[in-house]
Amino acid sequence: KDSTLTDIVDWYGLHYWQDEGPLAVRGDGRIDVVTRLAIKYMAKGQFRGALRLHEQALAMQRQALPDGHPDIAATLNEMANVHADQGAHVEALRLYEQALAI
């Protein structure tokens, strides 16, 4: 059976957050796992994958968290970093400004 991103996040989130204890209080851990995967992609220079995962995390955060939550600002900042590293400075600036507004 092929593993989908959701399967990986479900498995990793379940096993990772069981070991981490208090962080599990933040929900089922899926948002945090997707964010951590995005950061790993970024570190490897896989910008398209990193951005896709950050966008997925942001969509999940906007459904689960109140407007103005610091985690949303952090994700916007990470997305801006991806764009900045690719030379897309106008988009990076737009996202940095959104993050700062929070």
Protein backbone atom coordinates (compact mmCIF):
# COMPACT_ATOMS: atom_id res chain seq x y z
CA LYS A 1 0.00 0.00 0.00
CA ASP A 2 1.30 3.46 -0.90
CA SER A 3 1.65 5.84 2.00
CA THR A 4 0.08 9.23 1.56
CA LEU A 5 1.19 12.34 3.36
CA THR A 6 -1.87 12.02 5.58
CA ASP A 7 -0.92 8.44 6.50
CA ILE A 8 2.61 9.52 7.34
CA VAL A 9 1.42 12.48 9.40
CA ASP A 10 -1.13 10.31 11.20
CA TRP A 11 1.45 7.66 12.04
CA TYR A 12 4.25 10.09 12.90
CA GLY A 13 1.91 12.33 14.89
CA LEU A 14 0.57 9.45 16.93
CA HIS A 15 3.98 8.03 17.76
CA TYR A 16 5.81 11.33 18.13
CA TRP A 17 3.29 13.06 20.34
CA GLN A 18 2.82 10.06 22.59
CA ASP A 19 6.50 10.40 23.47
CA GLU A 20 6.43 14.18 23.85
CA GLY A 21 3.80 14.37 26.57
CA PRO A 22 2.58 17.94 27.17
CA LEU A 23 2.72 18.93 23.51
CA ALA A 24 -0.10 16.47 22.83
CA VAL A 25 -2.41 18.92 24.60
CA ARG A 26 -2.20 21.09 21.48
CA GLY A 27 -4.45 18.66 19.62
CA ASP A 28 -3.66 15.57 17.66
CA GLY A 29 -0.31 16.97 16.55
CA ARG A 30 -0.96 16.95 12.82
CA ILE A 31 -0.33 20.65 12.33
CA ASP A 32 2.95 20.47 14.20
CA VAL A 33 4.07 17.40 12.29
CA VAL A 34 3.28 19.01 8.92
CA THR A 35 5.20 22.12 10.02
CA ARG A 36 8.20 20.06 11.12
CA LEU A 37 8.20 18.22 7.80
CA ALA A 38 8.07 21.53 5.95
CA ILE A 39 11.09 22.79 7.88
CA LYS A 40 12.96 19.58 7.00
CA TYR A 41 12.13 20.09 3.31
CA MET A 42 13.36 23.69 3.54
CA ALA A 43 16.64 22.58 5.13
CA LYS A 44 17.18 20.22 2.19
CA GLY A 45 16.48 22.97 -0.34
CA GLN A 46 13.20 21.41 -1.44
CA PHE A 47 11.38 24.73 -1.56
CA ARG A 48 8.31 23.65 -3.49
CA GLY A 49 7.61 20.81 -1.05
CA ALA A 50 8.30 23.05 1.93
CA LEU A 51 5.91 25.70 0.68
CA ARG A 52 3.20 23.13 -0.07
CA LEU A 53 3.46 21.74 3.46
CA HIS A 54 3.48 25.20 5.06
CA GLU A 55 0.37 26.08 3.05
CA GLN A 56 -1.29 22.90 4.30
CA ALA A 57 -0.31 23.71 7.89
CA LEU A 58 -1.65 27.26 7.51
CA ALA A 59 -4.99 26.00 6.20
CA MET A 60 -5.24 23.58 9.14
CA GLN A 61 -4.30 26.34 11.59
CA ARG A 62 -6.90 28.73 10.20
CA GLN A 63 -9.55 26.08 10.78
CA ALA A 64 -8.38 25.07 14.25
CA LEU A 65 -7.04 28.28 15.79
CA PRO A 66 -8.48 31.74 16.44
CA ASP A 67 -7.47 34.64 14.20
CA GLY A 68 -4.30 36.25 15.44
CA HIS A 69 -2.87 33.08 16.98
CA PRO A 70 0.96 33.19 17.19
CA ASP A 71 1.27 29.81 15.41
CA ILE A 72 -0.39 31.35 12.34
CA ALA A 73 2.15 34.18 12.42
CA ALA A 74 4.99 31.65 12.73
CA THR A 75 3.75 29.72 9.69
CA LEU A 76 3.39 32.90 7.65
CA ASN A 77 6.96 33.78 8.65
CA GLU A 78 8.21 30.34 7.56
CA MET A 79 6.41 30.71 4.24
CA ALA A 80 8.02 34.12 3.78
CA ASN A 81 11.43 32.55 4.47
CA VAL A 82 10.84 30.02 1.70
CA HIS A 83 9.94 32.76 -0.76
CA ALA A 84 12.89 34.91 0.32
CA ASP A 85 15.30 32.01 -0.15
CA GLN A 86 13.98 31.60 -3.70
CA GLY A 87 14.39 35.31 -4.46
CA ALA A 88 10.64 36.02 -4.49
CA HIS A 89 11.09 39.09 -2.31
CA VAL A 90 7.76 40.78 -3.06
CA GLU A 91 5.81 37.69 -1.91
CA ALA A 92 8.15 37.25 1.05
CA LEU A 93 7.57 40.85 2.14
CA ARG A 94 3.79 40.41 1.83
CA LEU A 95 3.89 37.34 4.08
CA TYR A 96 6.28 38.94 6.58
CA GLU A 97 3.90 41.90 6.87
CA GLN A 98 0.96 39.55 7.49
CA ALA A 99 2.93 37.77 10.20
CA LEU A 100 3.94 41.05 11.84
CA ALA A 101 0.34 42.25 11.82
CA ILE A 102 -0.53 39.33 14.09
